[in-house]
């Protein structure tokens, strides 16, 4: 069993909205926009987190790379599809293919914020 004591130092630990780090691939535009804003907020928190690298390493473990039913998660500031690419999965893999719009919209909004 791996040592996960670093979780205690994560900025997400004890956050009032732990679901902030999870998102769905909704067909509804208003839900999509809300999911983008929530993912942006989560990633901004991750960027400041002292255990971002340990979190990303855990996010690259097999059970954390795969998505189920279009629900993704953010680990170490990276969305499921981004981690799947980093782990070497093909572009056609569900974890990458199903979140394309969400990933594009989140990264575009983050780019605008960081200007």
PDB file of N, CA and C in Angstrom:
ATOM      1  N   UNK A   1       0.844  -1.186   0.000  1.00  0.00           N
ATOM      2  CA  UNK A   1       0.000   0.000   0.000  1.00  0.00           C
ATOM      3  C   UNK A   1       0.890   1.251   0.000  1.00  0.00           C
ATOM      4  N   UNK A   2       0.515   2.212  -0.816  1.00  0.00           N
ATOM      5  CA  UNK A   2       1.295   3.441  -0.941  1.00  0.00           C
ATOM      6  C   UNK A   2       0.972   4.419   0.180  1.00  0.00           C
ATOM      7  N   UNK A   3       1.978   5.217   0.511  1.00  0.00           N
ATOM      8  CA  UNK A   3       1.800   6.248   1.526  1.00  0.00           C
ATOM      9  C   UNK A   3       1.045   7.424   0.912  1.00  0.00           C
ATOM     10  N   UNK A   4      -0.111   7.723   1.442  1.00  0.00           N
ATOM     11  CA  UNK A   4      -0.937   8.821   0.934  1.00  0.00           C
ATOM     12  C   UNK A   4      -1.062   9.940   1.966  1.00  0.00           C
ATOM     13  N   UNK A   5      -0.126  10.027   2.876  1.00  0.00           N
ATOM     14  CA  UNK A   5      -0.201  11.052   3.921  1.00  0.00           C
ATOM     15  C   UNK A   5      -0.137  12.468   3.353  1.00  0.00           C
ATOM     16  N   UNK A   6       0.381  12.616   2.150  1.00  0.00           N
ATOM     17  CA  UNK A   6       0.455  13.933   1.516  1.00  0.00           C
ATOM     18  C   UNK A   6      -0.935  14.526   1.288  1.00  0.00           C
ATOM     19  N   UNK A   7      -1.963  13.676   1.200  1.00  0.00           N
ATOM     20  CA  UNK A   7      -3.343  14.160   1.003  1.00  0.00           C
ATOM     21  C   UNK A   7      -3.714  15.211   2.045  1.00  0.00           C
ATOM     22  N   UNK A   8      -3.238  15.033   3.252  1.00  0.00           N
ATOM     23  CA  UNK A   8      -3.591  15.949   4.343  1.00  0.00           C
ATOM     24  C   UNK A   8      -3.134  17.375   4.074  1.00  0.00           C
ATOM     25  N   UNK A   9      -2.079  17.545   3.266  1.00  0.00           N
ATOM     26  CA  UNK A   9      -1.550  18.877   2.967  1.00  0.00           C
ATOM     27  C   UNK A   9      -2.154  19.492   1.703  1.00  0.00           C
ATOM     28  N   UNK A  10      -3.011  18.730   1.020  1.00  0.00           N
ATOM     29  CA  UNK A  10      -3.629  19.211  -0.212  1.00  0.00           C
ATOM     30  C   UNK A  10      -4.645  20.308   0.055  1.00  0.00           C
ATOM     31  N   UNK A  11      -4.686  21.302  -0.825  1.00  0.00           N
ATOM     32  CA  UNK A  11      -5.646  22.389  -0.672  1.00  0.00           C
ATOM     33  C   UNK A  11      -7.086  21.915  -0.855  1.00  0.00           C
ATOM     34  N   UNK A  12      -7.273  20.767  -1.485  1.00  0.00           N
ATOM     35  CA  UNK A  12      -8.619  20.213  -1.651  1.00  0.00           C
ATOM     36  C   UNK A  12      -9.096  19.518  -0.375  1.00  0.00           C
ATOM     37  N   UNK A  13      -8.160  19.131   0.464  1.00  0.00           N
ATOM     38  CA  UNK A  13      -8.513  18.429   1.705  1.00  0.00           C
ATOM     39  C   UNK A  13      -9.320  19.353   2.609  1.00  0.00           C
ATOM     40  N   UNK A  14     -10.538  18.970   2.906  1.00  0.00           N
ATOM     41  CA  UNK A  14     -11.397  19.774   3.759  1.00  0.00           C
ATOM     42  C   UNK A  14     -12.104  20.901   3.032  1.00  0.00           C
ATOM     43  N   UNK A  15     -11.943  20.974   1.709  1.00  0.00           N
ATOM     44  CA  UNK A  15     -12.631  22.017   0.930  1.00  0.00           C
ATOM     45  C   UNK A  15     -14.142  21.839   1.093  1.00  0.00           C
ATOM     46  N   UNK A  16     -14.906  22.934   1.214  1.00  0.00           N
ATOM     47  CA  UNK A  16     -16.348  22.813   1.420  1.00  0.00           C
ATOM     48  C   UNK A  16     -17.097  22.173   0.242  1.00  0.00           C
ATOM     49  N   UNK A  17     -16.467  22.104  -0.933  1.00  0.00           N
ATOM     50  CA  UNK A  17     -17.105  21.495  -2.098  1.00  0.00           C
ATOM     51  C   UNK A  17     -16.156  20.486  -2.746  1.00  0.00           C
ATOM     52  N   UNK A  18     -16.031  19.295  -2.164  1.00  0.00           N
ATOM     53  CA  UNK A  18     -15.096  18.315  -2.723  1.00  0.00           C
ATOM     54  C   UNK A  18     -15.457  17.859  -4.139  1.00  0.00           C
ATOM     55  N   UNK A  19     -16.704  18.047  -4.546  1.00  0.00           N
ATOM     56  CA  UNK A  19     -17.101  17.668  -5.899  1.00  0.00           C
ATOM     57  C   UNK A  19     -16.579  18.643  -6.953  1.00  0.00           C
ATOM     58  N   UNK A  20     -15.957  19.724  -6.521  1.00  0.00           N
ATOM     59  CA  UNK A  20     -15.400  20.709  -7.439  1.00  0.00           C
ATOM     60  C   UNK A  20     -14.394  20.054  -8.392  1.00  0.00           C
ATOM     61  N   UNK A  21     -13.734  19.004  -7.957  1.00  0.00           N
ATOM     62  CA  UNK A  21     -12.702  18.336  -8.747  1.00  0.00           C
ATOM     63  C   UNK A  21     -13.260  17.233  -9.641  1.00  0.00           C
ATOM     64  N   UNK A  22     -14.571  17.204  -9.804  1.00  0.00           N
ATOM     65  CA  UNK A  22     -15.233  16.219 -10.678  1.00  0.00           C
ATOM     66  C   UNK A  22     -16.124  16.960 -11.656  1.00  0.00           C
ATOM     67  N   UNK A  23     -16.248  16.445 -12.856  1.00  0.00           N
ATOM     68  CA  UNK A  23     -17.065  17.088 -13.883  1.00  0.00           C
ATOM     69  C   UNK A  23     -17.734  16.031 -14.750  1.00  0.00           C
ATOM     70  N   UNK A  24     -18.809  16.446 -15.420  1.00  0.00           N
ATOM     71  CA  UNK A  24     -19.556  15.559 -16.297  1.00  0.00           C
ATOM     72  C   UNK A  24     -19.591  16.136 -17.707  1.00  0.00           C
ATOM     73  N   UNK A  25     -19.722  15.270 -18.665  1.00  0.00           N
ATOM     74  CA  UNK A  25     -19.839  15.676 -20.058  1.00  0.00           C
ATOM     75  C   UNK A  25     -21.331  15.797 -20.384  1.00  0.00           C
ATOM     76  N   UNK A  26     -21.934  16.893 -19.977  1.00  0.00           N
ATOM     77  CA  UNK A  26     -23.368  17.113 -20.145  1.00  0.00           C
ATOM     78  C   UNK A  26     -23.703  17.587 -21.555  1.00  0.00           C
ATOM     79  N   UNK A  27     -24.871  17.196 -22.079  1.00  0.00           N
ATOM     80  CA  UNK A  27     -25.307  17.701 -23.381  1.00  0.00           C
ATOM     81  C   UNK A  27     -25.949  19.102 -23.291  1.00  0.00           C
ATOM     82  N   UNK A  28     -26.190  19.584 -22.079  1.00  0.00           N
ATOM     83  CA  UNK A  28     -26.883  20.855 -21.886  1.00  0.00           C
ATOM     84  C   UNK A  28     -25.888  22.001 -21.735  1.00  0.00           C
ATOM     85  N   UNK A  29     -26.051  23.048 -22.564  1.00  0.00           N
ATOM     86  CA  UNK A  29     -25.092  24.155 -22.606  1.00  0.00           C
ATOM     87  C   UNK A  29     -24.937  24.866 -21.259  1.00  0.00           C
ATOM     88  N   UNK A  30     -26.037  25.098 -20.530  1.00  0.00           N
ATOM     89  CA  UNK A  30     -25.904  25.795 -19.251  1.00  0.00           C
ATOM     90  C   UNK A  30     -25.135  24.955 -18.239  1.00  0.00           C
ATOM     91  N   UNK A  31     -25.341  23.647 -18.270  1.00  0.00           N
ATOM     92  CA  UNK A  31     -24.589  22.754 -17.375  1.00  0.00           C
ATOM     93  C   UNK A  31     -23.125  22.712 -17.809  1.00  0.00           C
ATOM     94  N   UNK A  32     -22.884  22.685 -19.115  1.00  0.00           N
ATOM     95  CA  UNK A  32     -21.516  22.697 -19.630  1.00  0.00           C
ATOM     96  C   UNK A  32     -20.758  23.921 -19.140  1.00  0.00           C
ATOM     97  N   UNK A  33     -21.406  25.080 -19.229  1.00  0.00           N
ATOM     98  CA  UNK A  33     -20.760  26.324 -18.805  1.00  0.00           C
ATOM     99  C   UNK A  33     -20.450  26.305 -17.313  1.00  0.00           C
ATOM    100  N   UNK A  34     -21.364  25.793 -16.511  1.00  0.00           N
ATOM    101  CA  UNK A  34     -21.127  25.683 -15.067  1.00  0.00           C
ATOM    102  C   UNK A  34     -19.982  24.715 -14.791  1.00  0.00           C
ATOM    103  N   UNK A  35     -19.951  23.587 -15.495  1.00  0.00           N
ATOM    104  CA  UNK A  35     -18.878  22.614 -15.308  1.00  0.00           C
ATOM    105  C   UNK A  35     -17.520  23.222 -15.654  1.00  0.00           C
ATOM    106  N   UNK A  36     -17.479  24.037 -16.706  1.00  0.00           N
ATOM    107  CA  UNK A  36     -16.225  24.694 -17.094  1.00  0.00           C
ATOM    108  C   UNK A  36     -15.760  25.626 -15.974  1.00  0.00           C
ATOM    109  N   UNK A  37     -16.662  26.449 -15.465  1.00  0.00           N
ATOM    110  CA  UNK A  37     -16.296  27.381 -14.392  1.00  0.00           C
ATOM    111  C   UNK A  37     -15.806  26.637 -13.148  1.00  0.00           C
ATOM    112  N   UNK A  38     -16.463  25.536 -12.808  1.00  0.00           N
ATOM    113  CA  UNK A  38     -16.059  24.755 -11.643  1.00  0.00           C
ATOM    114  C   UNK A  38     -14.688  24.114 -11.869  1.00  0.00           C
ATOM    115  N   UNK A  39     -14.455  23.584 -13.061  1.00  0.00           N
ATOM    116  CA  UNK A  39     -13.154  22.977 -13.358  1.00  0.00           C
ATOM    117  C   UNK A  39     -12.043  24.014 -13.330  1.00  0.00           C
ATOM    118  N   UNK A  40     -12.317  25.200 -13.861  1.00  0.00           N
ATOM    119  CA  UNK A  40     -11.329  26.276 -13.820  1.00  0.00           C
ATOM    120  C   UNK A  40     -10.989  26.608 -12.368  1.00  0.00           C
ATOM    121  N   UNK A  41     -12.003  26.723 -11.527  1.00  0.00           N
ATOM    122  CA  UNK A  41     -11.754  27.017 -10.112  1.00  0.00           C
ATOM    123  C   UNK A  41     -10.904  25.934  -9.467  1.00  0.00           C
ATOM    124  N   UNK A  42     -11.226  24.670  -9.744  1.00  0.00           N
ATOM    125  CA  UNK A  42     -10.456  23.564  -9.163  1.00  0.00           C
ATOM    126  C   UNK A  42      -9.005  23.603  -9.633  1.00  0.00           C
ATOM    127  N   UNK A  43      -8.786  23.816 -10.923  1.00  0.00           N
ATOM    128  CA  UNK A  43      -7.423  23.837 -11.462  1.00  0.00           C
ATOM    129  C   UNK A  43      -6.631  25.010 -10.900  1.00  0.00           C
ATOM    130  N   UNK A  44      -7.282  26.145 -10.715  1.00  0.00           N
ATOM    131  CA  UNK A  44      -6.584  27.289 -10.105  1.00  0.00           C
ATOM    132  C   UNK A  44      -6.146  26.951  -8.674  1.00  0.00           C
ATOM    133  N   UNK A  45      -6.964  26.248  -7.945  1.00  0.00           N
ATOM    134  CA  UNK A  45      -6.576  25.818  -6.591  1.00  0.00           C
ATOM    135  C   UNK A  45      -5.402  24.859  -6.689  1.00  0.00           C
ATOM    136  N   UNK A  46      -5.467  23.927  -7.630  1.00  0.00           N
ATOM    137  CA  UNK A  46      -4.374  22.963  -7.814  1.00  0.00           C
ATOM    138  C   UNK A  46      -3.043  23.653  -8.113  1.00  0.00           C
ATOM    139  N   UNK A  47      -3.081  24.726  -8.879  1.00  0.00           N
ATOM    140  CA  UNK A  47      -1.846  25.413  -9.259  1.00  0.00           C
ATOM    141  C   UNK A  47      -1.091  25.956  -8.045  1.00  0.00           C
ATOM    142  N   UNK A  48      -1.813  26.227  -6.971  1.00  0.00           N
ATOM    143  CA  UNK A  48      -1.201  26.758  -5.749  1.00  0.00           C
ATOM    144  C   UNK A  48      -0.909  25.675  -4.716  1.00  0.00           C
ATOM    145  N   UNK A  49      -1.291  24.457  -5.000  1.00  0.00           N
ATOM    146  CA  UNK A  49      -1.230  23.377  -4.005  1.00  0.00           C
ATOM    147  C   UNK A  49       0.205  22.887  -3.772  1.00  0.00           C
ATOM    148  N   UNK A  50       0.593  22.730  -2.513  1.00  0.00           N
ATOM    149  CA  UNK A  50       1.951  22.277  -2.206  1.00  0.00           C
ATOM    150  C   UNK A  50       2.202  20.806  -2.543  1.00  0.00           C
ATOM    151  N   UNK A  51       1.156  20.024  -2.775  1.00  0.00           N
ATOM    152  CA  UNK A  51       1.337  18.596  -3.084  1.00  0.00           C
ATOM    153  C   UNK A  51       0.842  18.264  -4.492  1.00  0.00           C
ATOM    154  N   UNK A  52       0.884  19.246  -5.372  1.00  0.00           N
ATOM    155  CA  UNK A  52       0.403  19.075  -6.743  1.00  0.00           C
ATOM    156  C   UNK A  52       1.085  17.896  -7.447  1.00  0.00           C
ATOM    157  N   UNK A  53       2.385  17.759  -7.304  1.00  0.00           N
ATOM    158  CA  UNK A  53       3.117  16.689  -7.997  1.00  0.00           C
ATOM    159  C   UNK A  53       2.743  15.305  -7.481  1.00  0.00           C
ATOM    160  N   UNK A  54       2.592  15.166  -6.156  1.00  0.00           N
ATOM    161  CA  UNK A  54       2.174  13.876  -5.598  1.00  0.00           C
ATOM    162  C   UNK A  54       0.769  13.528  -6.065  1.00  0.00           C
ATOM    163  N   UNK A  55      -0.085  14.536  -6.118  1.00  0.00           N
ATOM    164  CA  UNK A  55      -1.467  14.346  -6.568  1.00  0.00           C
ATOM    165  C   UNK A  55      -1.488  13.899  -8.035  1.00  0.00           C
ATOM    166  N   UNK A  56      -0.721  14.559  -8.868  1.00  0.00           N
ATOM    167  CA  UNK A  56      -0.662  14.185 -10.276  1.00  0.00           C
ATOM    168  C   UNK A  56      -0.155  12.752 -10.427  1.00  0.00           C
ATOM    169  N   UNK A  57       0.844  12.385  -9.645  1.00  0.00           N
ATOM    170  CA  UNK A  57       1.356  11.012  -9.710  1.00  0.00           C
ATOM    171  C   UNK A  57       0.248  10.011  -9.389  1.00  0.00           C
ATOM    172  N   UNK A  58      -0.554  10.301  -8.381  1.00  0.00           N
ATOM    173  CA  UNK A  58      -1.664   9.407  -8.053  1.00  0.00           C
ATOM    174  C   UNK A  58      -2.709   9.443  -9.169  1.00  0.00           C
ATOM    175  N   UNK A  59      -2.920  10.594  -9.759  1.00  0.00           N
ATOM    176  CA  UNK A  59      -3.871  10.724 -10.855  1.00  0.00           C
ATOM    177  C   UNK A  59      -3.465   9.969 -12.100  1.00  0.00           C
ATOM    178  N   UNK A  60      -2.197   9.618 -12.222  1.00  0.00           N
ATOM    179  CA  UNK A  60      -1.707   8.848 -13.366  1.00  0.00           C
ATOM    180  C   UNK A  60      -1.788   7.342 -13.134  1.00  0.00           C
ATOM    181  N   UNK A  61      -2.188   6.930 -11.936  1.00  0.00           N
ATOM    182  CA  UNK A  61      -2.382   5.504 -11.675  1.00  0.00           C
ATOM    183  C   UNK A  61      -3.574   5.013 -12.487  1.00  0.00           C
ATOM    184  N   UNK A  62      -3.507   3.765 -12.942  1.00  0.00           N
ATOM    185  CA  UNK A  62      -4.504   3.224 -13.868  1.00  0.00           C
ATOM    186  C   UNK A  62      -5.942   3.508 -13.459  1.00  0.00           C
ATOM    187  N   UNK A  63      -6.279   3.276 -12.202  1.00  0.00           N
ATOM    188  CA  UNK A  63      -7.671   3.434 -11.773  1.00  0.00           C
ATOM    189  C   UNK A  63      -8.123   4.897 -11.774  1.00  0.00           C
ATOM    190  N   UNK A  64      -7.197   5.835 -11.829  1.00  0.00           N
ATOM    191  CA  UNK A  64      -7.546   7.258 -11.826  1.00  0.00           C
ATOM    192  C   UNK A  64      -7.468   7.902 -13.205  1.00  0.00           C
ATOM    193  N   UNK A  65      -6.978   7.186 -14.190  1.00  0.00           N
ATOM    194  CA  UNK A  65      -6.897   7.711 -15.551  1.00  0.00           C
ATOM    195  C   UNK A  65      -8.197   7.443 -16.302  1.00  0.00           C
ATOM    196  N   UNK A  66      -8.816   6.326 -16.029  1.00  0.00           N
ATOM    197  CA  UNK A  66     -10.013   5.938 -16.763  1.00  0.00           C
ATOM    198  C   UNK A  66     -11.233   6.706 -16.278  1.00  0.00           C
ATOM    199  N   UNK A  67     -12.104   7.060 -17.222  1.00  0.00           N
ATOM    200  CA  UNK A  67     -13.364   7.708 -16.869  1.00  0.00           C
ATOM    201  C   UNK A  67     -14.499   6.718 -17.056  1.00  0.00           C
ATOM    202  N   UNK A  68     -15.531   6.899 -16.277  1.00  0.00           N
ATOM    203  CA  UNK A  68     -16.692   6.015 -16.346  1.00  0.00           C
ATOM    204  C   UNK A  68     -17.928   6.873 -16.578  1.00  0.00           C
ATOM    205  N   UNK A  69     -18.648   6.600 -17.636  1.00  0.00           N
ATOM    206  CA  UNK A  69     -19.900   7.301 -17.898  1.00  0.00           C
ATOM    207  C   UNK A  69     -19.764   8.789 -18.146  1.00  0.00           C
ATOM    208  N   UNK A  70     -18.631   9.229 -18.681  1.00  0.00           N
ATOM    209  CA  UNK A  70     -18.463  10.645 -18.992  1.00  0.00           C
ATOM    210  C   UNK A  70     -18.168  11.528 -17.794  1.00  0.00           C
ATOM    211  N   UNK A  71     -17.866  10.922 -16.652  1.00  0.00           N
ATOM    212  CA  UNK A  71     -17.521  11.696 -15.458  1.00  0.00           C
ATOM    213  C   UNK A  71     -16.005  11.710 -15.334  1.00  0.00           C
ATOM    214  N   UNK A  72     -15.440  12.905 -15.247  1.00  0.00           N
ATOM    215  CA  UNK A  72     -14.000  13.036 -15.142  1.00  0.00           C
ATOM    216  C   UNK A  72     -13.595  13.618 -13.802  1.00  0.00           C
ATOM    217  N   UNK A  73     -12.297  13.609 -13.547  1.00  0.00           N
ATOM    218  CA  UNK A  73     -11.770  14.146 -12.297  1.00  0.00           C
ATOM    219  C   UNK A  73     -10.464  14.887 -12.565  1.00  0.00           C
ATOM    220  N   UNK A  74     -10.204  15.846 -11.722  1.00  0.00           N
ATOM    221  CA  UNK A  74      -8.982  16.643 -11.807  1.00  0.00           C
ATOM    222  C   UNK A  74      -8.031  16.177 -10.709  1.00  0.00           C
ATOM    223  N   UNK A  75      -6.828  15.838 -11.109  1.00  0.00           N
ATOM    224  CA  UNK A  75      -5.761  15.428 -10.197  1.00  0.00           C
ATOM    225  C   UNK A  75      -4.533  16.252 -10.563  1.00  0.00           C
ATOM    226  N   UNK A  76      -3.941  16.918  -9.620  1.00  0.00           N
ATOM    227  CA  UNK A  76      -2.717  17.668  -9.885  1.00  0.00           C
ATOM    228  C   UNK A  76      -2.884  18.732 -10.951  1.00  0.00           C
ATOM    229  N   UNK A  77      -4.087  19.271 -11.085  1.00  0.00           N
ATOM    230  CA  UNK A  77      -4.342  20.319 -12.061  1.00  0.00           C
ATOM    231  C   UNK A  77      -4.598  19.829 -13.470  1.00  0.00           C
ATOM    232  N   UNK A  78      -4.724  18.531 -13.652  1.00  0.00           N
ATOM    233  CA  UNK A  78      -4.958  17.979 -14.990  1.00  0.00           C
ATOM    234  C   UNK A  78      -6.266  17.194 -15.027  1.00  0.00           C
ATOM    235  N   UNK A  79      -7.011  17.378 -16.112  1.00  0.00           N
ATOM    236  CA  UNK A  79      -8.264  16.660 -16.312  1.00  0.00           C
ATOM    237  C   UNK A  79      -7.984  15.236 -16.778  1.00  0.00           C
ATOM    238  N   UNK A  80      -9.008  14.405 -16.722  1.00  0.00           N
ATOM    239  CA  UNK A  80      -8.858  12.977 -17.049  1.00  0.00           C
ATOM    240  C   UNK A  80      -8.220  12.740 -18.410  1.00  0.00           C
ATOM    241  N   UNK A  81      -8.705  13.417 -19.438  1.00  0.00           N
ATOM    242  CA  UNK A  81      -8.161  13.225 -20.780  1.00  0.00           C
ATOM    243  C   UNK A  81      -6.713  13.645 -20.904  1.00  0.00           C
ATOM    244  N   UNK A  82      -6.341  14.705 -20.213  1.00  0.00           N
ATOM    245  CA  UNK A  82      -4.951  15.167 -20.227  1.00  0.00           C
ATOM    246  C   UNK A  82      -4.045  14.135 -19.568  1.00  0.00           C
ATOM    247  N   UNK A  83      -4.529  13.581 -18.462  1.00  0.00           N
ATOM    248  CA  UNK A  83      -3.738  12.541 -17.780  1.00  0.00           C
ATOM    249  C   UNK A  83      -3.672  11.277 -18.624  1.00  0.00           C
ATOM    250  N   UNK A  84      -4.759  10.955 -19.330  1.00  0.00           N
ATOM    251  CA  UNK A  84      -4.774   9.774 -20.195  1.00  0.00           C
ATOM    252  C   UNK A  84      -3.741   9.928 -21.312  1.00  0.00           C
ATOM    253  N   UNK A  85      -3.660  11.127 -21.891  1.00  0.00           N
ATOM    254  CA  UNK A  85      -2.647  11.385 -22.928  1.00  0.00           C
ATOM    255  C   UNK A  85      -1.248  11.238 -22.344  1.00  0.00           C
ATOM    256  N   UNK A  86      -1.046  11.823 -21.166  1.00  0.00           N
ATOM    257  CA  UNK A  86       0.254  11.753 -20.505  1.00  0.00           C
ATOM    258  C   UNK A  86       0.627  10.299 -20.198  1.00  0.00           C
ATOM    259  N   UNK A  87      -0.375   9.484 -19.900  1.00  0.00           N
ATOM    260  CA  UNK A  87      -0.147   8.071 -19.597  1.00  0.00           C
ATOM    261  C   UNK A  87       0.050   7.237 -20.860  1.00  0.00           C
ATOM    262  N   UNK A  88      -0.091   7.871 -22.048  1.00  0.00           N
ATOM    263  CA  UNK A  88       0.174   7.178 -23.298  1.00  0.00           C
ATOM    264  C   UNK A  88      -1.040   6.538 -23.965  1.00  0.00           C
ATOM    265  N   UNK A  89      -2.250   6.849 -23.492  1.00  0.00           N
ATOM    266  CA  UNK A  89      -3.435   6.297 -24.140  1.00  0.00           C
ATOM    267  C   UNK A  89      -3.659   6.991 -25.479  1.00  0.00           C
ATOM    268  N   UNK A  90      -4.294   6.298 -26.404  1.00  0.00           N
ATOM    269  CA  UNK A  90      -4.535   6.835 -27.743  1.00  0.00           C
ATOM    270  C   UNK A  90      -5.641   7.880 -27.725  1.00  0.00           C
ATOM    271  N   UNK A  91      -5.613   8.776 -28.722  1.00  0.00           N
ATOM    272  CA  UNK A  91      -6.610   9.848 -28.852  1.00  0.00           C
ATOM    273  C   UNK A  91      -8.030   9.315 -28.925  1.00  0.00           C
ATOM    274  N   UNK A  92      -8.196   8.079 -29.373  1.00  0.00           N
ATOM    275  CA  UNK A  92      -9.529   7.493 -29.509  1.00  0.00           C
ATOM    276  C   UNK A  92     -10.058   6.918 -28.197  1.00  0.00           C
ATOM    277  N   UNK A  93      -9.238   6.881 -27.165  1.00  0.00           N
ATOM    278  CA  UNK A  93      -9.678   6.332 -25.879  1.00  0.00           C
ATOM    279  C   UNK A  93     -10.796   7.204 -25.307  1.00  0.00           C
ATOM    280  N   UNK A  94     -11.803   6.581 -24.699  1.00  0.00           N
ATOM    281  CA  UNK A  94     -12.963   7.312 -24.154  1.00  0.00           C
ATOM    282  C   UNK A  94     -12.569   8.431 -23.208  1.00  0.00           C
ATOM    283  N   UNK A  95     -11.564   8.231 -22.374  1.00  0.00           N
ATOM    284  CA  UNK A  95     -11.152   9.250 -21.418  1.00  0.00           C
ATOM    285  C   UNK A  95     -10.706  10.532 -22.114  1.00  0.00           C
ATOM    286  N   UNK A  96     -10.207  10.403 -23.317  1.00  0.00           N
ATOM    287  CA  UNK A  96      -9.729  11.551 -24.081  1.00  0.00           C
ATOM    288  C   UNK A  96     -10.827  12.078 -24.997  1.00  0.00           C
ATOM    289  N   UNK A  97     -11.450  11.186 -25.722  1.00  0.00           N
ATOM    290  CA  UNK A  97     -12.427  11.552 -26.752  1.00  0.00           C
ATOM    291  C   UNK A  97     -13.662  12.244 -26.182  1.00  0.00           C
ATOM    292  N   UNK A  98     -14.202  11.750 -25.072  1.00  0.00           N
ATOM    293  CA  UNK A  98     -15.473  12.260 -24.551  1.00  0.00           C
ATOM    294  C   UNK A  98     -15.374  13.611 -23.855  1.00  0.00           C
ATOM    295  N   UNK A  99     -14.197  14.032 -23.480  1.00  0.00           N
ATOM    296  CA  UNK A  99     -14.119  15.311 -22.786  1.00  0.00           C
ATOM    297  C   UNK A  99     -13.462  16.410 -23.612  1.00  0.00           C
ATOM    298  N   UNK A 100     -13.365  16.220 -24.900  1.00  0.00           N
ATOM    299  CA  UNK A 100     -12.689  17.185 -25.762  1.00  0.00           C
ATOM    300  C   UNK A 100     -13.223  18.604 -25.648  1.00  0.00           C
ATOM    301  N   UNK A 101     -14.534  18.768 -25.723  1.00  0.00           N
ATOM    302  CA  UNK A 101     -15.124  20.098 -25.630  1.00  0.00           C
ATOM    303  C   UNK A 101     -14.856  20.711 -24.269  1.00  0.00           C
ATOM    304  N   UNK A 102     -15.047  19.936 -23.219  1.00  0.00           N
ATOM    305  CA  UNK A 102     -14.833  20.449 -21.863  1.00  0.00           C
ATOM    306  C   UNK A 102     -13.381  20.881 -21.676  1.00  0.00           C
ATOM    307  N   UNK A 103     -12.461  20.034 -22.089  1.00  0.00           N
ATOM    308  CA  UNK A 103     -11.030  20.331 -21.944  1.00  0.00           C
ATOM    309  C   UNK A 103     -10.674  21.602 -22.712  1.00  0.00           C
ATOM    310  N   UNK A 104     -11.150  21.723 -23.941  1.00  0.00           N
ATOM    311  CA  UNK A 104     -10.873  22.898 -24.769  1.00  0.00           C
ATOM    312  C   UNK A 104     -11.420  24.173 -24.117  1.00  0.00           C
ATOM    313  N   UNK A 105     -12.666  24.110 -23.625  1.00  0.00           N
ATOM    314  CA  UNK A 105     -13.289  25.289 -23.008  1.00  0.00           C
ATOM    315  C   UNK A 105     -12.596  25.688 -21.707  1.00  0.00           C
ATOM    316  N   UNK A 106     -12.216  24.708 -20.903  1.00  0.00           N
ATOM    317  CA  UNK A 106     -11.520  24.999 -19.641  1.00  0.00           C
ATOM    318  C   UNK A 106     -10.169  25.637 -19.921  1.00  0.00           C
ATOM    319  N   UNK A 107      -9.400  25.055 -20.814  1.00  0.00           N
ATOM    320  CA  UNK A 107      -8.062  25.586 -21.108  1.00  0.00           C
ATOM    321  C   UNK A 107      -8.146  26.980 -21.743  1.00  0.00           C
ATOM    322  N   UNK A 108      -9.150  27.233 -22.563  1.00  0.00           N
ATOM    323  CA  UNK A 108      -9.318  28.563 -23.163  1.00  0.00           C
ATOM    324  C   UNK A 108      -9.625  29.593 -22.081  1.00  0.00           C
ATOM    325  N   UNK A 109     -10.495  29.256 -21.154  1.00  0.00           N
ATOM    326  CA  UNK A 109     -10.839  30.194 -20.073  1.00  0.00           C
ATOM    327  C   UNK A 109      -9.622  30.428 -19.177  1.00  0.00           C
ATOM    328  N   UNK A 110      -8.879  29.389 -18.864  1.00  0.00           N
ATOM    329  CA  UNK A 110      -7.663  29.558 -18.047  1.00  0.00           C
ATOM    330  C   UNK A 110      -6.652  30.453 -18.763  1.00  0.00           C
ATOM    331  N   UNK A 111      -6.523  30.313 -20.062  1.00  0.00           N
ATOM    332  CA  UNK A 111      -5.590  31.148 -20.829  1.00  0.00           C
ATOM    333  C   UNK A 111      -6.009  32.621 -20.765  1.00  0.00           C
ATOM    334  N   UNK A 112      -7.303  32.878 -20.830  1.00  0.00           N
ATOM    335  CA  UNK A 112      -7.792  34.262 -20.740  1.00  0.00           C
ATOM    336  C   UNK A 112      -7.534  34.851 -19.361  1.00  0.00           C
ATOM    337  N   UNK A 113      -7.680  34.043 -18.338  1.00  0.00           N
ATOM    338  CA  UNK A 113      -7.470  34.504 -16.958  1.00  0.00           C
ATOM    339  C   UNK A 113      -6.002  34.849 -16.728  1.00  0.00           C
ATOM    340  N   UNK A 114      -5.115  34.073 -17.280  1.00  0.00           N
ATOM    341  CA  UNK A 114      -3.677  34.223 -17.013  1.00  0.00           C
ATOM    342  C   UNK A 114      -3.013  35.303 -17.854  1.00  0.00           C
ATOM    343  N   UNK A 115      -3.730  35.951 -18.729  1.00  0.00           N
ATOM    344  CA  UNK A 115      -3.134  37.019 -19.559  1.00  0.00           C
ATOM    345  C   UNK A 115      -2.736  38.194 -18.746  1.00  0.00           C
TER     346      UNK A 115
END
